[in-house]
């Protein structure tokens, strides 16, 4: 179980007149995410979704607040203990190509977390990488390629394989289908839905698209200006959203909104 307590992140930025101002990117959020459960987090660009994701993944440090994994407060850990505990949180970024080292083959990119955290002999490592490629639908022949030789959808599959390689307890997908064409997007969403059932992990999918959120999970969080303004546990349609901000997001959808089939 992941428990977020009074999590707060401030940035100091310059306004248009070059004056320094303090911005609350994440504003004292408290939240509990259950084990082996999928969640979707919706909000407009700038709502604080990605900042929250980076804090959960250990990329950003909170200004204040706590993140608990089971009975351990990550803020109290240091050194190797912190590094190993943070490995239980994996982040799949929007831009897959930038997340993969352009100089390394796909095989080595997927193998990197295993080599750092769970070293194995060469035959067992090869077997594990082949198993992961099969699980995410990535042709084995592509493992020897460099990232730029793969399509956007194939790069995304490689990033997902890398994220699940060490069987983390928590996986965050940050706008992970943005920029993909409709057919490939549907394939990646179906892959995530299947993995959510197969992997013993908590999934948090961050998106600005309510249709995507509803397709992936009935547990939906709505974020505005750094705060969670609505939380649904059994969402099935637009009608389940009650907060005015949620309704505004729905009203702003195209008239012929693309429901995912």
C-alpha atoms as a PDB file:
ATOM      1  CA  UNK A   1       0.000   0.000   0.000  1.00  0.00           C
ATOM      2  CA  UNK A   2       1.240   3.500  -0.860  1.00  0.00           C
ATOM      3  CA  UNK A   3       0.247   6.232   1.568  1.00  0.00           C
ATOM      4  CA  UNK A   4       0.848   9.889   0.731  1.00  0.00           C
ATOM      5  CA  UNK A   5       0.605  12.257   3.687  1.00  0.00           C
ATOM      6  CA  UNK A   6       0.383  16.026   3.318  1.00  0.00           C
ATOM      7  CA  UNK A   7       2.697  15.980   0.286  1.00  0.00           C
ATOM      8  CA  UNK A   8       3.773  19.439  -0.800  1.00  0.00           C
ATOM      9  CA  UNK A   9       6.072  20.740  -3.554  1.00  0.00           C
ATOM     10  CA  UNK A  10       7.003  24.374  -4.068  1.00  0.00           C
ATOM     11  CA  UNK A  11       9.058  25.929  -6.836  1.00  0.00           C
ATOM     12  CA  UNK A  12      10.550  29.424  -6.955  1.00  0.00           C
ATOM     13  CA  UNK A  13      10.099  30.888 -10.433  1.00  0.00           C
ATOM     14  CA  UNK A  14      10.240  34.292 -12.110  1.00  0.00           C
ATOM     15  CA  UNK A  15       7.055  35.976 -13.283  1.00  0.00           C
ATOM     16  CA  UNK A  16       6.732  38.142 -16.391  1.00  0.00           C
ATOM     17  CA  UNK A  17       8.329  41.098 -14.595  1.00  0.00           C
ATOM     18  CA  UNK A  18      11.277  38.874 -13.580  1.00  0.00           C
ATOM     19  CA  UNK A  19      10.199  38.966  -9.949  1.00  0.00           C
ATOM     20  CA  UNK A  20      10.712  35.763  -7.984  1.00  0.00           C
ATOM     21  CA  UNK A  21       7.486  34.105  -6.839  1.00  0.00           C
ATOM     22  CA  UNK A  22       6.706  30.820  -5.067  1.00  0.00           C
ATOM     23  CA  UNK A  23       4.420  28.353  -6.849  1.00  0.00           C
ATOM     24  CA  UNK A  24       2.703  25.403  -5.168  1.00  0.00           C
ATOM     25  CA  UNK A  25       2.936  22.628  -7.785  1.00  0.00           C
ATOM     26  CA  UNK A  26       1.541  19.991  -5.414  1.00  0.00           C
ATOM     27  CA  UNK A  27      -0.518  21.371  -2.565  1.00  0.00           C
ATOM     28  CA  UNK A  28      -0.589  19.211   0.594  1.00  0.00           C
ATOM     29  CA  UNK A  29      -2.023  16.033  -0.937  1.00  0.00           C
ATOM     30  CA  UNK A  30      -2.991  13.059   1.233  1.00  0.00           C
ATOM     31  CA  UNK A  31      -3.915   9.849  -0.557  1.00  0.00           C
ATOM     32  CA  UNK A  32      -3.900   6.062  -0.176  1.00  0.00           C
ATOM     33  CA  UNK A  33      -3.332   3.715  -3.118  1.00  0.00           C
ATOM     34  CA  UNK A  34      -4.165   0.064  -2.491  1.00  0.00           C
ATOM     35  CA  UNK A  35      -1.978  -2.874  -3.532  1.00  0.00           C
ATOM     36  CA  UNK A  36      -2.558  -4.546  -6.917  1.00  0.00           C
ATOM     37  CA  UNK A  37      -4.990  -1.820  -7.989  1.00  0.00           C
ATOM     38  CA  UNK A  38      -5.138   0.460 -11.011  1.00  0.00           C
ATOM     39  CA  UNK A  39      -5.747   4.202 -10.733  1.00  0.00           C
ATOM     40  CA  UNK A  40      -6.056   7.008 -13.280  1.00  0.00           C
ATOM     41  CA  UNK A  41      -5.123  10.622 -12.511  1.00  0.00           C
ATOM     42  CA  UNK A  42      -6.709  13.297 -14.720  1.00  0.00           C
ATOM     43  CA  UNK A  43      -5.913  16.978 -15.008  1.00  0.00           C
ATOM     44  CA  UNK A  44      -5.009  19.737 -17.419  1.00  0.00           C
ATOM     45  CA  UNK A  45      -1.426  20.585 -18.294  1.00  0.00           C
ATOM     46  CA  UNK A  46       0.109  22.416 -15.332  1.00  0.00           C
ATOM     47  CA  UNK A  47      -2.204  20.834 -12.752  1.00  0.00           C
ATOM     48  CA  UNK A  48       0.717  19.170 -10.941  1.00  0.00           C
ATOM     49  CA  UNK A  49       0.248  15.599 -12.222  1.00  0.00           C
ATOM     50  CA  UNK A  50       3.789  15.086 -13.482  1.00  0.00           C
ATOM     51  CA  UNK A  51       5.339  16.734 -10.412  1.00  0.00           C
ATOM     52  CA  UNK A  52       3.417  14.304  -8.215  1.00  0.00           C
ATOM     53  CA  UNK A  53       4.597  11.409 -10.394  1.00  0.00           C
ATOM     54  CA  UNK A  54       8.246  12.488 -10.137  1.00  0.00           C
ATOM     55  CA  UNK A  55       8.030  12.755  -6.356  1.00  0.00           C
ATOM     56  CA  UNK A  56       6.519   9.280  -6.131  1.00  0.00           C
ATOM     57  CA  UNK A  57       9.278   7.920  -8.370  1.00  0.00           C
ATOM     58  CA  UNK A  58      11.996   9.600  -6.302  1.00  0.00           C
ATOM     59  CA  UNK A  59      13.085  11.930  -9.110  1.00  0.00           C
ATOM     60  CA  UNK A  60      11.867  15.065  -7.293  1.00  0.00           C
ATOM     61  CA  UNK A  61      12.220  15.746  -3.562  1.00  0.00           C
ATOM     62  CA  UNK A  62       9.138  16.947  -1.705  1.00  0.00           C
ATOM     63  CA  UNK A  63       9.208  20.320   0.028  1.00  0.00           C
ATOM     64  CA  UNK A  64       7.362  18.632   2.881  1.00  0.00           C
ATOM     65  CA  UNK A  65       5.172  15.600   3.541  1.00  0.00           C
ATOM     66  CA  UNK A  66       5.672  11.854   3.499  1.00  0.00           C
ATOM     67  CA  UNK A  67       5.477   8.927   1.084  1.00  0.00           C
ATOM     68  CA  UNK A  68       5.026   5.542   2.761  1.00  0.00           C
ATOM     69  CA  UNK A  69       5.473   2.201   1.038  1.00  0.00           C
ATOM     70  CA  UNK A  70       3.873  -0.383   3.299  1.00  0.00           C
ATOM     71  CA  UNK A  71       5.270   0.580   6.734  1.00  0.00           C
ATOM     72  CA  UNK A  72       8.373   2.456   5.551  1.00  0.00           C
ATOM     73  CA  UNK A  73       8.609   6.226   5.174  1.00  0.00           C
ATOM     74  CA  UNK A  74      10.890   6.843   2.184  1.00  0.00           C
ATOM     75  CA  UNK A  75      11.948  10.183   3.669  1.00  0.00           C
ATOM     76  CA  UNK A  76      13.729   8.374   6.521  1.00  0.00           C
ATOM     77  CA  UNK A  77      15.854   6.177   4.232  1.00  0.00           C
ATOM     78  CA  UNK A  78      19.365   6.993   3.054  1.00  0.00           C
ATOM     79  CA  UNK A  79      22.044   5.577   0.790  1.00  0.00           C
ATOM     80  CA  UNK A  80      21.670   2.021  -0.452  1.00  0.00           C
ATOM     81  CA  UNK A  81      18.457   1.426   1.517  1.00  0.00           C
ATOM     82  CA  UNK A  82      16.807   4.391  -0.204  1.00  0.00           C
ATOM     83  CA  UNK A  83      18.097   3.384  -3.648  1.00  0.00           C
ATOM     84  CA  UNK A  84      16.719  -0.124  -3.306  1.00  0.00           C
ATOM     85  CA  UNK A  85      13.358   1.017  -1.931  1.00  0.00           C
ATOM     86  CA  UNK A  86      12.992   3.616  -4.688  1.00  0.00           C
ATOM     87  CA  UNK A  87      13.468   0.816  -7.207  1.00  0.00           C
ATOM     88  CA  UNK A  88      10.019  -0.428  -6.188  1.00  0.00           C
ATOM     89  CA  UNK A  89       8.600   2.701  -7.879  1.00  0.00           C
ATOM     90  CA  UNK A  90       8.977   2.721 -11.683  1.00  0.00           C
ATOM     91  CA  UNK A  91       8.053   5.542 -14.055  1.00  0.00           C
ATOM     92  CA  UNK A  92       7.132   5.184 -17.750  1.00  0.00           C
ATOM     93  CA  UNK A  93       7.550   8.615 -19.333  1.00  0.00           C
ATOM     94  CA  UNK A  94       5.607  10.227 -22.173  1.00  0.00           C
ATOM     95  CA  UNK A  95       8.649  10.530 -24.458  1.00  0.00           C
ATOM     96  CA  UNK A  96       9.922   6.975 -24.829  1.00  0.00           C
ATOM     97  CA  UNK A  97      12.785   7.821 -27.160  1.00  0.00           C
ATOM     98  CA  UNK A  98      14.329  10.273 -24.685  1.00  0.00           C
ATOM     99  CA  UNK A  99      13.897   7.691 -21.892  1.00  0.00           C
ATOM    100  CA  UNK A 100      16.056   5.170 -23.789  1.00  0.00           C
ATOM    101  CA  UNK A 101      19.818   5.645 -24.137  1.00  0.00           C
ATOM    102  CA  UNK A 102      20.346   6.325 -27.870  1.00  0.00           C
ATOM    103  CA  UNK A 103      23.752   4.580 -27.785  1.00  0.00           C
ATOM    104  CA  UNK A 104      22.549   1.342 -26.243  1.00  0.00           C
ATOM    105  CA  UNK A 105      20.553  -1.477 -27.765  1.00  0.00           C
ATOM    106  CA  UNK A 106      17.028  -2.150 -26.591  1.00  0.00           C
ATOM    107  CA  UNK A 107      18.308  -5.337 -24.948  1.00  0.00           C
ATOM    108  CA  UNK A 108      20.763  -3.395 -22.785  1.00  0.00           C
ATOM    109  CA  UNK A 109      18.178  -0.732 -21.895  1.00  0.00           C
ATOM    110  CA  UNK A 110      15.749  -3.379 -20.636  1.00  0.00           C
ATOM    111  CA  UNK A 111      18.547  -5.246 -18.841  1.00  0.00           C
ATOM    112  CA  UNK A 112      19.916  -2.200 -16.993  1.00  0.00           C
ATOM    113  CA  UNK A 113      17.560  -2.330 -13.957  1.00  0.00           C
ATOM    114  CA  UNK A 114      18.177  -6.070 -13.606  1.00  0.00           C
ATOM    115  CA  UNK A 115      21.946  -5.598 -13.683  1.00  0.00           C
ATOM    116  CA  UNK A 116      21.785  -2.847 -11.065  1.00  0.00           C
ATOM    117  CA  UNK A 117      19.342  -4.484  -8.675  1.00  0.00           C
ATOM    118  CA  UNK A 118      19.127  -8.204  -9.439  1.00  0.00           C
ATOM    119  CA  UNK A 119      22.289  -9.369 -11.262  1.00  0.00           C
ATOM    120  CA  UNK A 120      22.039 -12.739 -12.986  1.00  0.00           C
ATOM    121  CA  UNK A 121      24.313 -14.905 -15.092  1.00  0.00           C
ATOM    122  CA  UNK A 122      24.220 -14.285 -18.838  1.00  0.00           C
ATOM    123  CA  UNK A 123      21.928 -17.222 -19.802  1.00  0.00           C
ATOM    124  CA  UNK A 124      19.351 -16.337 -17.132  1.00  0.00           C
ATOM    125  CA  UNK A 125      19.500 -12.639 -18.051  1.00  0.00           C
ATOM    126  CA  UNK A 126      18.910 -13.475 -21.716  1.00  0.00           C
ATOM    127  CA  UNK A 127      15.981 -15.692 -20.789  1.00  0.00           C
ATOM    128  CA  UNK A 128      14.454 -12.929 -18.639  1.00  0.00           C
ATOM    129  CA  UNK A 129      14.819 -10.264 -21.366  1.00  0.00           C
ATOM    130  CA  UNK A 130      13.249 -12.572 -23.960  1.00  0.00           C
ATOM    131  CA  UNK A 131      10.414 -13.298 -21.534  1.00  0.00           C
ATOM    132  CA  UNK A 132       9.810  -9.573 -20.987  1.00  0.00           C
ATOM    133  CA  UNK A 133       9.874  -8.831 -24.730  1.00  0.00           C
ATOM    134  CA  UNK A 134       7.275 -11.529 -25.318  1.00  0.00           C
ATOM    135  CA  UNK A 135       5.113 -10.229 -22.468  1.00  0.00           C
ATOM    136  CA  UNK A 136       4.946  -6.703 -23.912  1.00  0.00           C
ATOM    137  CA  UNK A 137       4.616  -7.828 -27.550  1.00  0.00           C
ATOM    138  CA  UNK A 138       8.057  -6.654 -28.672  1.00  0.00           C
ATOM    139  CA  UNK A 139       9.562  -8.846 -31.435  1.00  0.00           C
ATOM    140  CA  UNK A 140      12.772 -10.483 -30.228  1.00  0.00           C
ATOM    141  CA  UNK A 141      14.597  -9.351 -33.366  1.00  0.00           C
ATOM    142  CA  UNK A 142      14.257  -5.729 -32.197  1.00  0.00           C
ATOM    143  CA  UNK A 143      16.297  -6.322 -29.031  1.00  0.00           C
ATOM    144  CA  UNK A 144      19.528  -5.739 -30.971  1.00  0.00           C
ATOM    145  CA  UNK A 145      18.293  -2.445 -32.465  1.00  0.00           C
ATOM    146  CA  UNK A 146      18.926   1.100 -31.231  1.00  0.00           C
ATOM    147  CA  UNK A 147      15.955   3.197 -30.038  1.00  0.00           C
ATOM    148  CA  UNK A 148      15.755   5.362 -33.178  1.00  0.00           C
ATOM    149  CA  UNK A 149      15.265   2.214 -35.261  1.00  0.00           C
ATOM    150  CA  UNK A 150      11.978   1.433 -33.485  1.00  0.00           C
ATOM    151  CA  UNK A 151       8.540   2.982 -33.988  1.00  0.00           C
ATOM    152  CA  UNK A 152       6.939   5.033 -31.231  1.00  0.00           C
ATOM    153  CA  UNK A 153       4.769   2.117 -30.163  1.00  0.00           C
ATOM    154  CA  UNK A 154       7.748  -0.263 -30.094  1.00  0.00           C
ATOM    155  CA  UNK A 155       9.755   2.207 -27.995  1.00  0.00           C
ATOM    156  CA  UNK A 156       6.828   2.380 -25.582  1.00  0.00           C
ATOM    157  CA  UNK A 157       6.753  -1.414 -25.283  1.00  0.00           C
ATOM    158  CA  UNK A 158      10.494  -1.415 -24.538  1.00  0.00           C
ATOM    159  CA  UNK A 159      10.013   1.183 -21.779  1.00  0.00           C
ATOM    160  CA  UNK A 160       7.196  -0.856 -20.250  1.00  0.00           C
ATOM    161  CA  UNK A 161       9.353  -4.009 -20.360  1.00  0.00           C
ATOM    162  CA  UNK A 162      12.121  -2.093 -18.589  1.00  0.00           C
ATOM    163  CA  UNK A 163       9.691  -0.854 -15.920  1.00  0.00           C
ATOM    164  CA  UNK A 164       8.295  -4.301 -15.082  1.00  0.00           C
ATOM    165  CA  UNK A 165      11.676  -6.084 -15.295  1.00  0.00           C
ATOM    166  CA  UNK A 166      12.326  -5.907 -11.550  1.00  0.00           C
ATOM    167  CA  UNK A 167       8.688  -6.523 -10.531  1.00  0.00           C
ATOM    168  CA  UNK A 168       8.133  -3.165  -8.790  1.00  0.00           C
ATOM    169  CA  UNK A 169       5.293  -2.616  -6.363  1.00  0.00           C
ATOM    170  CA  UNK A 170       4.209   0.612  -8.050  1.00  0.00           C
ATOM    171  CA  UNK A 171       4.318   1.683 -11.717  1.00  0.00           C
ATOM    172  CA  UNK A 172       3.478   5.205 -12.887  1.00  0.00           C
ATOM    173  CA  UNK A 173       2.558   5.832 -16.523  1.00  0.00           C
ATOM    174  CA  UNK A 174       2.929   9.564 -17.213  1.00  0.00           C
ATOM    175  CA  UNK A 175       0.928  10.478 -20.358  1.00  0.00           C
ATOM    176  CA  UNK A 176       2.237   7.217 -21.802  1.00  0.00           C
ATOM    177  CA  UNK A 177       0.023   7.104 -24.909  1.00  0.00           C
ATOM    178  CA  UNK A 178       0.261  10.760 -25.926  1.00  0.00           C
ATOM    179  CA  UNK A 179       1.551  11.270 -29.452  1.00  0.00           C
ATOM    180  CA  UNK A 180       0.687   7.758 -30.651  1.00  0.00           C
ATOM    181  CA  UNK A 181      -1.753   7.220 -33.497  1.00  0.00           C
ATOM    182  CA  UNK A 182      -5.194   5.865 -32.608  1.00  0.00           C
ATOM    183  CA  UNK A 183      -4.487   2.217 -33.481  1.00  0.00           C
ATOM    184  CA  UNK A 184      -1.147   2.045 -31.662  1.00  0.00           C
ATOM    185  CA  UNK A 185      -2.588   3.917 -28.693  1.00  0.00           C
ATOM    186  CA  UNK A 186      -5.347   1.323 -28.346  1.00  0.00           C
ATOM    187  CA  UNK A 187      -2.770  -1.490 -28.518  1.00  0.00           C
ATOM    188  CA  UNK A 188      -0.659   0.067 -25.745  1.00  0.00           C
ATOM    189  CA  UNK A 189      -3.726   0.697 -23.583  1.00  0.00           C
ATOM    190  CA  UNK A 190      -4.779  -2.927 -23.996  1.00  0.00           C
ATOM    191  CA  UNK A 191      -1.256  -4.013 -23.046  1.00  0.00           C
ATOM    192  CA  UNK A 192      -1.406  -1.902 -19.870  1.00  0.00           C
ATOM    193  CA  UNK A 193      -4.843  -3.301 -18.974  1.00  0.00           C
ATOM    194  CA  UNK A 194      -3.509  -6.854 -19.394  1.00  0.00           C
ATOM    195  CA  UNK A 195      -0.357  -6.192 -17.395  1.00  0.00           C
ATOM    196  CA  UNK A 196      -2.435  -4.636 -14.639  1.00  0.00           C
ATOM    197  CA  UNK A 197      -4.123  -8.040 -14.248  1.00  0.00           C
ATOM    198  CA  UNK A 198      -0.903 -10.074 -14.552  1.00  0.00           C
ATOM    199  CA  UNK A 199       1.592  -8.059 -12.505  1.00  0.00           C
ATOM    200  CA  UNK A 200       1.381  -7.789  -8.728  1.00  0.00           C
ATOM    201  CA  UNK A 201       1.745  -4.017  -8.830  1.00  0.00           C
ATOM    202  CA  UNK A 202      -0.217  -0.854  -8.225  1.00  0.00           C
ATOM    203  CA  UNK A 203      -0.626   1.118 -11.474  1.00  0.00           C
ATOM    204  CA  UNK A 204      -1.127   4.904 -11.641  1.00  0.00           C
ATOM    205  CA  UNK A 205      -1.890   6.191 -15.140  1.00  0.00           C
ATOM    206  CA  UNK A 206      -1.603   9.952 -15.588  1.00  0.00           C
ATOM    207  CA  UNK A 207      -3.539  11.497 -18.450  1.00  0.00           C
ATOM    208  CA  UNK A 208      -5.424  14.597 -19.585  1.00  0.00           C
ATOM    209  CA  UNK A 209      -7.909  12.372 -21.473  1.00  0.00           C
ATOM    210  CA  UNK A 210     -11.007  11.293 -19.527  1.00  0.00           C
ATOM    211  CA  UNK A 211     -11.821   8.603 -22.114  1.00  0.00           C
ATOM    212  CA  UNK A 212      -8.407   7.020 -21.522  1.00  0.00           C
ATOM    213  CA  UNK A 213      -8.881   7.223 -17.752  1.00  0.00           C
ATOM    214  CA  UNK A 214     -12.282   5.510 -17.905  1.00  0.00           C
ATOM    215  CA  UNK A 215     -10.905   2.800 -20.197  1.00  0.00           C
ATOM    216  CA  UNK A 216      -8.053   1.968 -17.838  1.00  0.00           C
ATOM    217  CA  UNK A 217      -9.652   2.134 -14.415  1.00  0.00           C
ATOM    218  CA  UNK A 218     -12.779   2.762 -12.382  1.00  0.00           C
ATOM    219  CA  UNK A 219     -10.592   4.392  -9.689  1.00  0.00           C
ATOM    220  CA  UNK A 220     -10.136   7.950 -10.910  1.00  0.00           C
ATOM    221  CA  UNK A 221      -8.516  10.984  -9.297  1.00  0.00           C
ATOM    222  CA  UNK A 222      -9.032  14.505 -10.662  1.00  0.00           C
ATOM    223  CA  UNK A 223      -6.288  17.081 -10.042  1.00  0.00           C
ATOM    224  CA  UNK A 224      -6.515  20.858 -10.310  1.00  0.00           C
ATOM    225  CA  UNK A 225      -3.883  23.441  -9.350  1.00  0.00           C
ATOM    226  CA  UNK A 226      -1.920  20.964  -7.261  1.00  0.00           C
ATOM    227  CA  UNK A 227      -4.864  19.487  -5.341  1.00  0.00           C
ATOM    228  CA  UNK A 228      -7.041  16.389  -5.727  1.00  0.00           C
ATOM    229  CA  UNK A 229     -10.538  17.820  -6.186  1.00  0.00           C
ATOM    230  CA  UNK A 230     -12.441  14.585  -6.871  1.00  0.00           C
ATOM    231  CA  UNK A 231     -11.861  10.886  -6.229  1.00  0.00           C
ATOM    232  CA  UNK A 232     -14.092   8.173  -7.729  1.00  0.00           C
ATOM    233  CA  UNK A 233     -13.884   4.483  -6.869  1.00  0.00           C
ATOM    234  CA  UNK A 234     -16.477   3.081  -9.270  1.00  0.00           C
ATOM    235  CA  UNK A 235     -16.422   5.414 -12.252  1.00  0.00           C
ATOM    236  CA  UNK A 236     -18.054   4.019 -15.376  1.00  0.00           C
ATOM    237  CA  UNK A 237     -19.111   7.061 -17.407  1.00  0.00           C
ATOM    238  CA  UNK A 238     -19.043  10.857 -17.616  1.00  0.00           C
ATOM    239  CA  UNK A 239     -22.194  10.957 -15.465  1.00  0.00           C
ATOM    240  CA  UNK A 240     -20.267   9.752 -12.415  1.00  0.00           C
ATOM    241  CA  UNK A 241     -18.179  12.936 -12.211  1.00  0.00           C
ATOM    242  CA  UNK A 242     -19.687  15.524  -9.869  1.00  0.00           C
ATOM    243  CA  UNK A 243     -17.076  18.228  -9.283  1.00  0.00           C
ATOM    244  CA  UNK A 244     -17.465  21.379 -11.374  1.00  0.00           C
ATOM    245  CA  UNK A 245     -13.878  21.137 -12.624  1.00  0.00           C
ATOM    246  CA  UNK A 246     -14.441  17.538 -13.770  1.00  0.00           C
ATOM    247  CA  UNK A 247     -17.585  18.612 -15.598  1.00  0.00           C
ATOM    248  CA  UNK A 248     -15.639  21.438 -17.239  1.00  0.00           C
ATOM    249  CA  UNK A 249     -13.064  18.931 -18.544  1.00  0.00           C
ATOM    250  CA  UNK A 250     -15.879  16.813 -19.978  1.00  0.00           C
ATOM    251  CA  UNK A 251     -17.600  19.835 -21.541  1.00  0.00           C
ATOM    252  CA  UNK A 252     -14.310  20.782 -23.228  1.00  0.00           C
ATOM    253  CA  UNK A 253     -14.079  17.423 -25.025  1.00  0.00           C
ATOM    254  CA  UNK A 254     -14.614  17.472 -28.824  1.00  0.00           C
ATOM    255  CA  UNK A 255     -18.238  17.031 -29.857  1.00  0.00           C
ATOM    256  CA  UNK A 256     -17.342  13.695 -31.423  1.00  0.00           C
ATOM    257  CA  UNK A 257     -15.249  12.462 -28.536  1.00  0.00           C
ATOM    258  CA  UNK A 258     -13.342   9.305 -29.408  1.00  0.00           C
ATOM    259  CA  UNK A 259     -14.592   6.698 -26.964  1.00  0.00           C
ATOM    260  CA  UNK A 260     -12.103   3.830 -26.886  1.00  0.00           C
ATOM    261  CA  UNK A 261     -13.589   0.581 -28.126  1.00  0.00           C
END
